[in-house]
Amino acid sequence: MDLTELSFDDARPFDGYGPGFFRIGGEVVRGGVVLHAGGLSAWDGADPAPLVALRDAVDVVLLGTGAEIAHASGDLRAAVEGAGLGLEVMSTPAACRTYNVLVNEGRRVAAAVRAVAG
């Protein structure tokens, strides 16, 4: 699925996604990722450490849980919120779209998204 084009300055947007992958700033990335204006990294979908490390760079983390919305684990939620970050849980497609809109608005946001299964 392709997403609407917006203006992102230096940030890399989600261009699209599919079974097991994301297209980010024209690059295909497989598996889960953490994306924010300062960078992109692989993410296993459970470890809160990469999200907590963003506490000085972002205000909110959009957690994409896959094709359908699911609850965040208590440990992940506690770690992220304990670091003073907001956590918004949604499906991965919704997280990708929301990230693009918020980055376009200049918001300090990260997306931690699990790939949609094939």
PDB file of N, CA and C in Angstrom:
ATOM      1  N   MET A   1       0.845  -1.164   0.000  1.00  0.00           N
ATOM      2  CA  MET A   1       0.000   0.000   0.000  1.00  0.00           C
ATOM      3  C   MET A   1       0.895   1.233   0.000  1.00  0.00           C
ATOM      4  N   ASP A   2       0.567   2.217  -0.797  1.00  0.00           N
ATOM      5  CA  ASP A   2       1.297   3.477  -0.833  1.00  0.00           C
ATOM      6  C   ASP A   2       0.609   4.485   0.066  1.00  0.00           C
ATOM      7  N   LEU A   3       1.390   5.367   0.646  1.00  0.00           N
ATOM      8  CA  LEU A   3       0.871   6.396   1.531  1.00  0.00           C
ATOM      9  C   LEU A   3       0.974   7.756   0.850  1.00  0.00           C
ATOM     10  N   THR A   4       0.166   8.697   1.288  1.00  0.00           N
ATOM     11  CA  THR A   4       0.135  10.029   0.704  1.00  0.00           C
ATOM     12  C   THR A   4       1.462  10.750   0.896  1.00  0.00           C
ATOM     13  N   GLU A   5       1.908  11.464  -0.146  1.00  0.00           N
ATOM     14  CA  GLU A   5       3.152  12.231  -0.050  1.00  0.00           C
ATOM     15  C   GLU A   5       2.916  13.532   0.707  1.00  0.00           C
ATOM     16  N   LEU A   6       3.858  13.863   1.582  1.00  0.00           N
ATOM     17  CA  LEU A   6       3.847  15.104   2.341  1.00  0.00           C
ATOM     18  C   LEU A   6       5.258  15.669   2.317  1.00  0.00           C
ATOM     19  N   SER A   7       5.466  16.821   2.907  1.00  0.00           N
ATOM     20  CA  SER A   7       6.794  17.425   3.006  1.00  0.00           C
ATOM     21  C   SER A   7       7.405  17.057   4.361  1.00  0.00           C
ATOM     22  N   PHE A   8       8.650  16.540   4.364  1.00  0.00           N
ATOM     23  CA  PHE A   8       9.237  16.029   5.597  1.00  0.00           C
ATOM     24  C   PHE A   8      10.549  16.676   6.006  1.00  0.00           C
ATOM     25  N   ASP A   9      11.005  17.686   5.308  1.00  0.00           N
ATOM     26  CA  ASP A   9      12.297  18.304   5.603  1.00  0.00           C
ATOM     27  C   ASP A   9      13.373  17.225   5.662  1.00  0.00           C
ATOM     28  N   ASP A  10      14.042  17.053   6.802  1.00  0.00           N
ATOM     29  CA  ASP A  10      15.126  16.070   6.907  1.00  0.00           C
ATOM     30  C   ASP A  10      14.661  14.684   7.342  1.00  0.00           C
ATOM     31  N   ALA A  11      13.440  14.559   7.827  1.00  0.00           N
ATOM     32  CA  ALA A  11      12.934  13.266   8.302  1.00  0.00           C
ATOM     33  C   ALA A  11      12.618  12.349   7.123  1.00  0.00           C
ATOM     34  N   ARG A  12      12.751  11.057   7.351  1.00  0.00           N
ATOM     35  CA  ARG A  12      12.400  10.062   6.332  1.00  0.00           C
ATOM     36  C   ARG A  12      10.995   9.541   6.625  1.00  0.00           C
ATOM     37  N   PRO A  13      10.099   9.574   5.645  1.00  0.00           N
ATOM     38  CA  PRO A  13       8.731   9.109   5.857  1.00  0.00           C
ATOM     39  C   PRO A  13       8.581   7.629   5.560  1.00  0.00           C
ATOM     40  N   PHE A  14       7.470   7.077   6.024  1.00  0.00           N
ATOM     41  CA  PHE A  14       7.029   5.771   5.542  1.00  0.00           C
ATOM     42  C   PHE A  14       6.435   6.009   4.164  1.00  0.00           C
ATOM     43  N   ASP A  15       7.016   5.385   3.143  1.00  0.00           N
ATOM     44  CA  ASP A  15       6.477   5.485   1.792  1.00  0.00           C
ATOM     45  C   ASP A  15       5.431   4.413   1.552  1.00  0.00           C
ATOM     46  N   GLY A  16       5.555   3.298   2.257  1.00  0.00           N
ATOM     47  CA  GLY A  16       4.626   2.190   2.086  1.00  0.00           C
ATOM     48  C   GLY A  16       5.036   1.034   2.978  1.00  0.00           C
ATOM     49  N   TYR A  17       4.241  -0.022   2.926  1.00  0.00           N
ATOM     50  CA  TYR A  17       4.526  -1.215   3.718  1.00  0.00           C
ATOM     51  C   TYR A  17       3.848  -2.397   3.044  1.00  0.00           C
ATOM     52  N   GLY A  18       4.280  -3.573   3.420  1.00  0.00           N
ATOM     53  CA  GLY A  18       3.708  -4.801   2.888  1.00  0.00           C
ATOM     54  C   GLY A  18       4.065  -5.939   3.807  1.00  0.00           C
ATOM     55  N   PRO A  19       3.784  -7.152   3.381  1.00  0.00           N
ATOM     56  CA  PRO A  19       4.059  -8.312   4.239  1.00  0.00           C
ATOM     57  C   PRO A  19       5.538  -8.406   4.619  1.00  0.00           C
ATOM     58  N   GLY A  20       5.839  -8.097   5.871  1.00  0.00           N
ATOM     59  CA  GLY A  20       7.193  -8.250   6.383  1.00  0.00           C
ATOM     60  C   GLY A  20       8.153  -7.122   6.084  1.00  0.00           C
ATOM     61  N   PHE A  21       7.696  -6.029   5.449  1.00  0.00           N
ATOM     62  CA  PHE A  21       8.631  -4.960   5.102  1.00  0.00           C
ATOM     63  C   PHE A  21       7.970  -3.583   5.170  1.00  0.00           C
ATOM     64  N   PHE A  22       8.856  -2.567   5.206  1.00  0.00           N
ATOM     65  CA  PHE A  22       8.457  -1.165   5.099  1.00  0.00           C
ATOM     66  C   PHE A  22       9.294  -0.542   4.001  1.00  0.00           C
ATOM     67  N   ARG A  23       8.764   0.447   3.316  1.00  0.00           N
ATOM     68  CA  ARG A  23       9.540   1.283   2.411  1.00  0.00           C
ATOM     69  C   ARG A  23       9.628   2.646   3.091  1.00  0.00           C
ATOM     70  N   ILE A  24      10.852   3.030   3.459  1.00  0.00           N
ATOM     71  CA  ILE A  24      11.090   4.240   4.251  1.00  0.00           C
ATOM     72  C   ILE A  24      12.069   5.122   3.499  1.00  0.00           C
ATOM     73  N   GLY A  25      11.616   6.293   3.105  1.00  0.00           N
ATOM     74  CA  GLY A  25      12.477   7.209   2.361  1.00  0.00           C
ATOM     75  C   GLY A  25      13.072   6.563   1.123  1.00  0.00           C
ATOM     76  N   GLY A  26      12.310   5.685   0.470  1.00  0.00           N
ATOM     77  CA  GLY A  26      12.757   5.014  -0.743  1.00  0.00           C
ATOM     78  C   GLY A  26      13.527   3.728  -0.509  1.00  0.00           C
ATOM     79  N   GLU A  27      13.837   3.389   0.730  1.00  0.00           N
ATOM     80  CA  GLU A  27      14.606   2.191   1.066  1.00  0.00           C
ATOM     81  C   GLU A  27      13.685   1.104   1.620  1.00  0.00           C
ATOM     82  N   VAL A  28      13.862  -0.133   1.173  1.00  0.00           N
ATOM     83  CA  VAL A  28      13.093  -1.254   1.710  1.00  0.00           C
ATOM     84  C   VAL A  28      13.795  -1.787   2.951  1.00  0.00           C
ATOM     85  N   VAL A  29      13.036  -1.894   4.039  1.00  0.00           N
ATOM     86  CA  VAL A  29      13.554  -2.377   5.314  1.00  0.00           C
ATOM     87  C   VAL A  29      12.673  -3.530   5.758  1.00  0.00           C
ATOM     88  N   ARG A  30      13.263  -4.650   6.094  1.00  0.00           N
ATOM     89  CA  ARG A  30      12.506  -5.834   6.521  1.00  0.00           C
ATOM     90  C   ARG A  30      12.410  -5.893   8.042  1.00  0.00           C
ATOM     91  N   GLY A  31      11.263  -6.352   8.532  1.00  0.00           N
ATOM     92  CA  GLY A  31      11.072  -6.531   9.969  1.00  0.00           C
ATOM     93  C   GLY A  31      10.636  -5.263  10.657  1.00  0.00           C
ATOM     94  N   GLY A  32      10.554  -5.329  11.992  1.00  0.00           N
ATOM     95  CA  GLY A  32      10.131  -4.192  12.794  1.00  0.00           C
ATOM     96  C   GLY A  32      11.183  -3.102  12.833  1.00  0.00           C
ATOM     97  N   VAL A  33      10.728  -1.858  12.976  1.00  0.00           N
ATOM     98  CA  VAL A  33      11.639  -0.713  12.991  1.00  0.00           C
ATOM     99  C   VAL A  33      11.200   0.337  14.002  1.00  0.00           C
ATOM    100  N   VAL A  34      12.164   1.141  14.396  1.00  0.00           N
ATOM    101  CA  VAL A  34      11.908   2.386  15.125  1.00  0.00           C
ATOM    102  C   VAL A  34      12.367   3.502  14.198  1.00  0.00           C
ATOM    103  N   LEU A  35      11.461   4.416  13.892  1.00  0.00           N
ATOM    104  CA  LEU A  35      11.761   5.524  12.990  1.00  0.00           C
ATOM    105  C   LEU A  35      11.432   6.832  13.693  1.00  0.00           C
ATOM    106  N   HIS A  36      12.344   7.784  13.601  1.00  0.00           N
ATOM    107  CA  HIS A  36      12.112   9.140  14.105  1.00  0.00           C
ATOM    108  C   HIS A  36      12.950  10.073  13.254  1.00  0.00           C
ATOM    109  N   ALA A  37      12.785  11.369  13.444  1.00  0.00           N
ATOM    110  CA  ALA A  37      13.470  12.341  12.590  1.00  0.00           C
ATOM    111  C   ALA A  37      14.986  12.172  12.619  1.00  0.00           C
ATOM    112  N   GLY A  38      15.518  11.634  13.707  1.00  0.00           N
ATOM    113  CA  GLY A  38      16.961  11.468  13.838  1.00  0.00           C
ATOM    114  C   GLY A  38      17.513  10.153  13.336  1.00  0.00           C
ATOM    115  N   GLY A  39      16.661   9.222  12.918  1.00  0.00           N
ATOM    116  CA  GLY A  39      17.203   7.965  12.439  1.00  0.00           C
ATOM    117  C   GLY A  39      16.221   6.830  12.342  1.00  0.00           C
ATOM    118  N   LEU A  40      16.757   5.697  11.988  1.00  0.00           N
ATOM    119  CA  LEU A  40      16.017   4.467  11.759  1.00  0.00           C
ATOM    120  C   LEU A  40      16.833   3.318  12.321  1.00  0.00           C
ATOM    121  N   SER A  41      16.177   2.401  13.026  1.00  0.00           N
ATOM    122  CA  SER A  41      16.875   1.218  13.520  1.00  0.00           C
ATOM    123  C   SER A  41      15.923   0.030  13.518  1.00  0.00           C
ATOM    124  N   ALA A  42      16.496  -1.152  13.446  1.00  0.00           N
ATOM    125  CA  ALA A  42      15.705  -2.383  13.539  1.00  0.00           C
ATOM    126  C   ALA A  42      15.166  -2.496  14.957  1.00  0.00           C
ATOM    127  N   TRP A  43      14.026  -3.155  15.096  1.00  0.00           N
ATOM    128  CA  TRP A  43      13.411  -3.324  16.412  1.00  0.00           C
ATOM    129  C   TRP A  43      12.718  -4.669  16.467  1.00  0.00           C
ATOM    130  N   ASP A  44      12.900  -5.389  17.569  1.00  0.00           N
ATOM    131  CA  ASP A  44      12.326  -6.727  17.698  1.00  0.00           C
ATOM    132  C   ASP A  44      10.853  -6.717  18.104  1.00  0.00           C
ATOM    133  N   GLY A  45      10.310  -5.562  18.407  1.00  0.00           N
ATOM    134  CA  GLY A  45       8.897  -5.461  18.749  1.00  0.00           C
ATOM    135  C   GLY A  45       8.588  -5.627  20.221  1.00  0.00           C
ATOM    136  N   ALA A  46       9.605  -5.856  21.049  1.00  0.00           N
ATOM    137  CA  ALA A  46       9.356  -6.071  22.472  1.00  0.00           C
ATOM    138  C   ALA A  46      10.279  -5.272  23.377  1.00  0.00           C
ATOM    139  N   ASP A  47      11.503  -5.024  22.956  1.00  0.00           N
ATOM    140  CA  ASP A  47      12.501  -4.384  23.803  1.00  0.00           C
ATOM    141  C   ASP A  47      12.209  -2.890  23.951  1.00  0.00           C
ATOM    142  N   PRO A  48      11.949  -2.407  25.164  1.00  0.00           N
ATOM    143  CA  PRO A  48      11.665  -0.981  25.335  1.00  0.00           C
ATOM    144  C   PRO A  48      12.910  -0.093  25.302  1.00  0.00           C
ATOM    145  N   ALA A  49      14.108  -0.662  25.436  1.00  0.00           N
ATOM    146  CA  ALA A  49      15.330   0.151  25.545  1.00  0.00           C
ATOM    147  C   ALA A  49      15.514   1.130  24.386  1.00  0.00           C
ATOM    148  N   PRO A  50      15.313   0.723  23.117  1.00  0.00           N
ATOM    149  CA  PRO A  50      15.488   1.699  22.035  1.00  0.00           C
ATOM    150  C   PRO A  50      14.474   2.844  22.088  1.00  0.00           C
ATOM    151  N   LEU A  51      13.328   2.592  22.676  1.00  0.00           N
ATOM    152  CA  LEU A  51      12.299   3.633  22.789  1.00  0.00           C
ATOM    153  C   LEU A  51      12.621   4.580  23.935  1.00  0.00           C
ATOM    154  N   VAL A  52      13.026   4.033  25.060  1.00  0.00           N
ATOM    155  CA  VAL A  52      13.404   4.843  26.224  1.00  0.00           C
ATOM    156  C   VAL A  52      14.588   5.741  25.875  1.00  0.00           C
ATOM    157  N   ALA A  53      15.496   5.250  25.046  1.00  0.00           N
ATOM    158  CA  ALA A  53      16.671   6.028  24.650  1.00  0.00           C
ATOM    159  C   ALA A  53      16.301   7.291  23.875  1.00  0.00           C
ATOM    160  N   LEU A  54      15.077   7.364  23.373  1.00  0.00           N
ATOM    161  CA  LEU A  54      14.627   8.523  22.599  1.00  0.00           C
ATOM    162  C   LEU A  54      14.032   9.637  23.460  1.00  0.00           C
ATOM    163  N   ARG A  55      14.062   9.485  24.774  1.00  0.00           N
ATOM    164  CA  ARG A  55      13.350  10.413  25.666  1.00  0.00           C
ATOM    165  C   ARG A  55      13.723  11.876  25.469  1.00  0.00           C
ATOM    166  N   ASP A  56      14.932  12.171  25.016  1.00  0.00           N
ATOM    167  CA  ASP A  56      15.321  13.569  24.789  1.00  0.00           C
ATOM    168  C   ASP A  56      15.032  14.029  23.358  1.00  0.00           C
ATOM    169  N   ALA A  57      14.665  13.100  22.480  1.00  0.00           N
ATOM    170  CA  ALA A  57      14.462  13.431  21.067  1.00  0.00           C
ATOM    171  C   ALA A  57      12.992  13.499  20.656  1.00  0.00           C
ATOM    172  N   VAL A  58      12.129  12.789  21.376  1.00  0.00           N
ATOM    173  CA  VAL A  58      10.714  12.747  20.998  1.00  0.00           C
ATOM    174  C   VAL A  58       9.833  12.929  22.232  1.00  0.00           C
ATOM    175  N   ASP A  59       8.567  13.233  21.979  1.00  0.00           N
ATOM    176  CA  ASP A  59       7.587  13.387  23.051  1.00  0.00           C
ATOM    177  C   ASP A  59       6.629  12.209  23.128  1.00  0.00           C
ATOM    178  N   VAL A  60       6.413  11.554  21.991  1.00  0.00           N
ATOM    179  CA  VAL A  60       5.454  10.461  21.940  1.00  0.00           C
ATOM    180  C   VAL A  60       5.967   9.369  21.009  1.00  0.00           C
ATOM    181  N   VAL A  61       5.649   8.125  21.367  1.00  0.00           N
ATOM    182  CA  VAL A  61       5.979   6.964  20.550  1.00  0.00           C
ATOM    183  C   VAL A  61       4.666   6.369  20.055  1.00  0.00           C
ATOM    184  N   LEU A  62       4.569   6.187  18.747  1.00  0.00           N
ATOM    185  CA  LEU A  62       3.434   5.499  18.148  1.00  0.00           C
ATOM    186  C   LEU A  62       3.818   4.035  18.032  1.00  0.00           C
ATOM    187  N   LEU A  63       3.108   3.174  18.713  1.00  0.00           N
ATOM    188  CA  LEU A  63       3.406   1.746  18.712  1.00  0.00           C
ATOM    189  C   LEU A  63       2.479   1.043  17.732  1.00  0.00           C
ATOM    190  N   GLY A  64       3.041   0.557  16.632  1.00  0.00           N
ATOM    191  CA  GLY A  64       2.281  -0.192  15.641  1.00  0.00           C
ATOM    192  C   GLY A  64       2.373  -1.678  15.940  1.00  0.00           C
ATOM    193  N   THR A  65       1.237  -2.297  16.216  1.00  0.00           N
ATOM    194  CA  THR A  65       1.221  -3.670  16.717  1.00  0.00           C
ATOM    195  C   THR A  65       0.984  -4.732  15.646  1.00  0.00           C
ATOM    196  N   GLY A  66       1.027  -4.373  14.383  1.00  0.00           N
ATOM    197  CA  GLY A  66       0.778  -5.317  13.303  1.00  0.00           C
ATOM    198  C   GLY A  66      -0.495  -4.941  12.560  1.00  0.00           C
ATOM    199  N   ALA A  67      -1.065  -5.899  11.852  1.00  0.00           N
ATOM    200  CA  ALA A  67      -2.254  -5.622  11.037  1.00  0.00           C
ATOM    201  C   ALA A  67      -3.445  -5.182  11.882  1.00  0.00           C
ATOM    202  N   GLU A  68      -3.521  -5.678  13.090  1.00  0.00           N
ATOM    203  CA  GLU A  68      -4.621  -5.343  14.003  1.00  0.00           C
ATOM    204  C   GLU A  68      -4.051  -4.708  15.262  1.00  0.00           C
ATOM    205  N   ILE A  69      -4.840  -3.895  15.907  1.00  0.00           N
ATOM    206  CA  ILE A  69      -4.410  -3.292  17.164  1.00  0.00           C
ATOM    207  C   ILE A  69      -4.361  -4.366  18.254  1.00  0.00           C
ATOM    208  N   ALA A  70      -3.356  -4.290  19.092  1.00  0.00           N
ATOM    209  CA  ALA A  70      -3.193  -5.215  20.218  1.00  0.00           C
ATOM    210  C   ALA A  70      -2.656  -4.417  21.396  1.00  0.00           C
ATOM    211  N   HIS A  71      -2.778  -4.966  22.572  1.00  0.00           N
ATOM    212  CA  HIS A  71      -2.278  -4.283  23.766  1.00  0.00           C
ATOM    213  C   HIS A  71      -0.752  -4.290  23.791  1.00  0.00           C
ATOM    214  N   ALA A  72      -0.176  -3.210  24.300  1.00  0.00           N
ATOM    215  CA  ALA A  72       1.260  -3.168  24.567  1.00  0.00           C
ATOM    216  C   ALA A  72       1.510  -3.985  25.830  1.00  0.00           C
ATOM    217  N   SER A  73       2.648  -4.647  25.898  1.00  0.00           N
ATOM    218  CA  SER A  73       2.968  -5.392  27.114  1.00  0.00           C
ATOM    219  C   SER A  73       3.102  -4.401  28.270  1.00  0.00           C
ATOM    220  N   GLY A  74       2.807  -4.874  29.459  1.00  0.00           N
ATOM    221  CA  GLY A  74       2.918  -4.020  30.639  1.00  0.00           C
ATOM    222  C   GLY A  74       4.325  -3.494  30.849  1.00  0.00           C
ATOM    223  N   ASP A  75       5.327  -4.342  30.588  1.00  0.00           N
ATOM    224  CA  ASP A  75       6.718  -3.929  30.758  1.00  0.00           C
ATOM    225  C   ASP A  75       7.095  -2.826  29.780  1.00  0.00           C
ATOM    226  N   LEU A  76       6.681  -2.971  28.520  1.00  0.00           N
ATOM    227  CA  LEU A  76       6.998  -1.965  27.511  1.00  0.00           C
ATOM    228  C   LEU A  76       6.310  -0.649  27.857  1.00  0.00           C
ATOM    229  N   ARG A  77       5.030  -0.707  28.188  1.00  0.00           N
ATOM    230  CA  ARG A  77       4.272   0.502  28.535  1.00  0.00           C
ATOM    231  C   ARG A  77       4.899   1.188  29.755  1.00  0.00           C
ATOM    232  N   ALA A  78       5.214   0.423  30.790  1.00  0.00           N
ATOM    233  CA  ALA A  78       5.785   0.994  32.012  1.00  0.00           C
ATOM    234  C   ALA A  78       7.132   1.664  31.733  1.00  0.00           C
ATOM    235  N   ALA A  79       7.968   1.041  30.924  1.00  0.00           N
ATOM    236  CA  ALA A  79       9.289   1.602  30.628  1.00  0.00           C
ATOM    237  C   ALA A  79       9.179   2.891  29.829  1.00  0.00           C
ATOM    238  N   VAL A  80       8.325   2.886  28.798  1.00  0.00           N
ATOM    239  CA  VAL A  80       8.188   4.064  27.938  1.00  0.00           C
ATOM    240  C   VAL A  80       7.553   5.218  28.714  1.00  0.00           C
ATOM    241  N   GLU A  81       6.468   4.948  29.410  1.00  0.00           N
ATOM    242  CA  GLU A  81       5.811   6.009  30.176  1.00  0.00           C
ATOM    243  C   GLU A  81       6.667   6.460  31.353  1.00  0.00           C
ATOM    244  N   GLY A  82       7.429   5.536  31.946  1.00  0.00           N
ATOM    245  CA  GLY A  82       8.339   5.885  33.033  1.00  0.00           C
ATOM    246  C   GLY A  82       9.456   6.817  32.587  1.00  0.00           C
ATOM    247  N   ALA A  83       9.774   6.797  31.287  1.00  0.00           N
ATOM    248  CA  ALA A  83      10.788   7.696  30.731  1.00  0.00           C
ATOM    249  C   ALA A  83      10.197   9.058  30.380  1.00  0.00           C
ATOM    250  N   GLY A  84       8.907   9.230  30.674  1.00  0.00           N
ATOM    251  CA  GLY A  84       8.258  10.510  30.407  1.00  0.00           C
ATOM    252  C   GLY A  84       7.737  10.669  28.996  1.00  0.00           C
ATOM    253  N   LEU A  85       7.649   9.560  28.274  1.00  0.00           N
ATOM    254  CA  LEU A  85       7.155   9.590  26.895  1.00  0.00           C
ATOM    255  C   LEU A  85       5.697   9.168  26.843  1.00  0.00           C
ATOM    256  N   GLY A  86       4.952   9.765  25.926  1.00  0.00           N
ATOM    257  CA  GLY A  86       3.609   9.286  25.655  1.00  0.00           C
ATOM    258  C   GLY A  86       3.687   8.038  24.798  1.00  0.00           C
ATOM    259  N   LEU A  87       2.737   7.138  24.948  1.00  0.00           N
ATOM    260  CA  LEU A  87       2.684   5.924  24.147  1.00  0.00           C
ATOM    261  C   LEU A  87       1.285   5.798  23.569  1.00  0.00           C
ATOM    262  N   GLU A  88       1.192   5.785  22.250  1.00  0.00           N
ATOM    263  CA  GLU A  88      -0.085   5.625  21.553  1.00  0.00           C
ATOM    264  C   GLU A  88      -0.044   4.305  20.802  1.00  0.00           C
ATOM    265  N   VAL A  89      -0.937   3.401  21.152  1.00  0.00           N
ATOM    266  CA  VAL A  89      -0.963   2.066  20.563  1.00  0.00           C
ATOM    267  C   VAL A  89      -2.016   2.026  19.466  1.00  0.00           C
ATOM    268  N   MET A  90      -1.617   1.513  18.307  1.00  0.00           N
ATOM    269  CA  MET A  90      -2.522   1.409  17.158  1.00  0.00           C
ATOM    270  C   MET A  90      -2.018   0.330  16.222  1.00  0.00           C
ATOM    271  N   SER A  91      -2.759   0.031  15.187  1.00  0.00           N
ATOM    272  CA  SER A  91      -2.284  -0.927  14.189  1.00  0.00           C
ATOM    273  C   SER A  91      -1.082  -0.310  13.461  1.00  0.00           C
ATOM    274  N   THR A  92      -0.269  -1.148  12.855  1.00  0.00           N
ATOM    275  CA  THR A  92       0.890  -0.651  12.119  1.00  0.00           C
ATOM    276  C   THR A  92       0.488   0.271  10.967  1.00  0.00           C
ATOM    277  N   PRO A  93      -0.526  -0.073  10.157  1.00  0.00           N
ATOM    278  CA  PRO A  93      -0.913   0.869   9.091  1.00  0.00           C
ATOM    279  C   PRO A  93      -1.289   2.247   9.639  1.00  0.00           C
ATOM    280  N   ALA A  94      -2.040   2.287  10.730  1.00  0.00           N
ATOM    281  CA  ALA A  94      -2.426   3.562  11.326  1.00  0.00           C
ATOM    282  C   ALA A  94      -1.209   4.296  11.883  1.00  0.00           C
ATOM    283  N   ALA A  95      -0.269   3.578  12.482  1.00  0.00           N
ATOM    284  CA  ALA A  95       0.936   4.201  13.027  1.00  0.00           C
ATOM    285  C   ALA A  95       1.776   4.831  11.922  1.00  0.00           C
ATOM    286  N   CYS A  96       1.899   4.165  10.787  1.00  0.00           N
ATOM    287  CA  CYS A  96       2.665   4.715   9.658  1.00  0.00           C
ATOM    288  C   CYS A  96       2.033   6.003   9.153  1.00  0.00           C
ATOM    289  N   ARG A  97       0.733   5.989   8.955  1.00  0.00           N
ATOM    290  CA  ARG A  97       0.037   7.187   8.472  1.00  0.00           C
ATOM    291  C   ARG A  97       0.136   8.325   9.488  1.00  0.00           C
ATOM    292  N   THR A  98      -0.088   8.011  10.749  1.00  0.00           N
ATOM    293  CA  THR A  98      -0.057   9.024  11.801  1.00  0.00           C
ATOM    294  C   THR A  98       1.338   9.616  11.946  1.00  0.00           C
ATOM    295  N   TYR A  99       2.357   8.770  11.885  1.00  0.00           N
ATOM    296  CA  TYR A  99       3.741   9.253  11.953  1.00  0.00           C
ATOM    297  C   TYR A  99       3.997  10.274  10.846  1.00  0.00           C
ATOM    298  N   ASN A 100       3.630   9.936   9.613  1.00  0.00           N
ATOM    299  CA  ASN A 100       3.872  10.844   8.495  1.00  0.00           C
ATOM    300  C   ASN A 100       3.189  12.193   8.707  1.00  0.00           C
ATOM    301  N   VAL A 101       1.955  12.183   9.178  1.00  0.00           N
ATOM    302  CA  VAL A 101       1.227  13.430   9.405  1.00  0.00           C
ATOM    303  C   VAL A 101       1.900  14.247  10.506  1.00  0.00           C
ATOM    304  N   LEU A 102       2.245  13.603  11.622  1.00  0.00           N
ATOM    305  CA  LEU A 102       2.837  14.330  12.747  1.00  0.00           C
ATOM    306  C   LEU A 102       4.224  14.865  12.429  1.00  0.00           C
ATOM    307  N   VAL A 103       5.028  14.105  11.712  1.00  0.00           N
ATOM    308  CA  VAL A 103       6.357  14.592  11.311  1.00  0.00           C
ATOM    309  C   VAL A 103       6.194  15.769  10.358  1.00  0.00           C
ATOM    310  N   ASN A 104       5.239  15.685   9.457  1.00  0.00           N
ATOM    311  CA  ASN A 104       4.971  16.790   8.540  1.00  0.00           C
ATOM    312  C   ASN A 104       4.603  18.064   9.304  1.00  0.00           C
ATOM    313  N   GLU A 105       3.959  17.920  10.446  1.00  0.00           N
ATOM    314  CA  GLU A 105       3.582  19.063  11.290  1.00  0.00           C
ATOM    315  C   GLU A 105       4.734  19.541  12.176  1.00  0.00           C
ATOM    316  N   GLY A 106       5.878  18.853  12.105  1.00  0.00           N
ATOM    317  CA  GLY A 106       7.032  19.245  12.906  1.00  0.00           C
ATOM    318  C   GLY A 106       7.011  18.707  14.324  1.00  0.00           C
ATOM    319  N   ARG A 107       6.169  17.715  14.593  1.00  0.00           N
ATOM    320  CA  ARG A 107       6.073  17.143  15.940  1.00  0.00           C
ATOM    321  C   ARG A 107       7.253  16.226  16.221  1.00  0.00           C
ATOM    322  N   ARG A 108       7.595  16.108  17.500  1.00  0.00           N
ATOM    323  CA  ARG A 108       8.684  15.240  17.964  1.00  0.00           C
ATOM    324  C   ARG A 108       8.098  13.864  18.260  1.00  0.00           C
ATOM    325  N   VAL A 109       8.102  12.992  17.259  1.00  0.00           N
ATOM    326  CA  VAL A 109       7.418  11.713  17.345  1.00  0.00           C
ATOM    327  C   VAL A 109       8.317  10.598  16.812  1.00  0.00           C
ATOM    328  N   ALA A 110       8.125   9.408  17.350  1.00  0.00           N
ATOM    329  CA  ALA A 110       8.789   8.213  16.840  1.00  0.00           C
ATOM    330  C   ALA A 110       7.711   7.174  16.559  1.00  0.00           C
ATOM    331  N   ALA A 111       7.986   6.315  15.606  1.00  0.00           N
ATOM    332  CA  ALA A 111       7.121   5.176  15.330  1.00  0.00           C
ATOM    333  C   ALA A 111       7.926   3.909  15.607  1.00  0.00           C
ATOM    334  N   ALA A 112       7.393   3.076  16.470  1.00  0.00           N
ATOM    335  CA  ALA A 112       7.974   1.755  16.742  1.00  0.00           C
ATOM    336  C   ALA A 112       6.947   0.761  16.217  1.00  0.00           C
ATOM    337  N   VAL A 113       7.250   0.165  15.068  1.00  0.00           N
ATOM    338  CA  VAL A 113       6.243  -0.615  14.364  1.00  0.00           C
ATOM    339  C   VAL A 113       6.696  -2.035  14.079  1.00  0.00           C
ATOM    340  N   ARG A 114       5.778  -2.950  14.293  1.00  0.00           N
ATOM    341  CA  ARG A 114       5.989  -4.344  13.915  1.00  0.00           C
ATOM    342  C   ARG A 114       5.509  -4.504  12.483  1.00  0.00           C
ATOM    343  N   ALA A 115       6.207  -5.310  11.710  1.00  0.00           N
ATOM    344  CA  ALA A 115       5.817  -5.539  10.327  1.00  0.00           C
ATOM    345  C   ALA A 115       4.474  -6.277  10.289  1.00  0.00           C
ATOM    346  N   VAL A 116       3.721  -5.995   9.246  1.00  0.00           N
ATOM    347  CA  VAL A 116       2.468  -6.684   9.001  1.00  0.00           C
ATOM    348  C   VAL A 116       2.795  -8.051   8.412  1.00  0.00           C
ATOM    349  N   ALA A 117       2.190  -9.092   8.956  1.00  0.00           N
ATOM    350  CA  ALA A 117       2.458 -10.459   8.492  1.00  0.00           C
ATOM    351  C   ALA A 117       1.923 -10.666   7.090  1.00  0.00           C
ATOM    352  N   GLY A 118       2.540 -11.590   6.384  1.00  0.00           N
ATOM    353  CA  GLY A 118       2.136 -11.882   5.010  1.00  0.00           C
ATOM    354  C   GLY A 118       1.119 -12.873   4.955  1.00  0.00           C
TER     355      GLY A 118
END
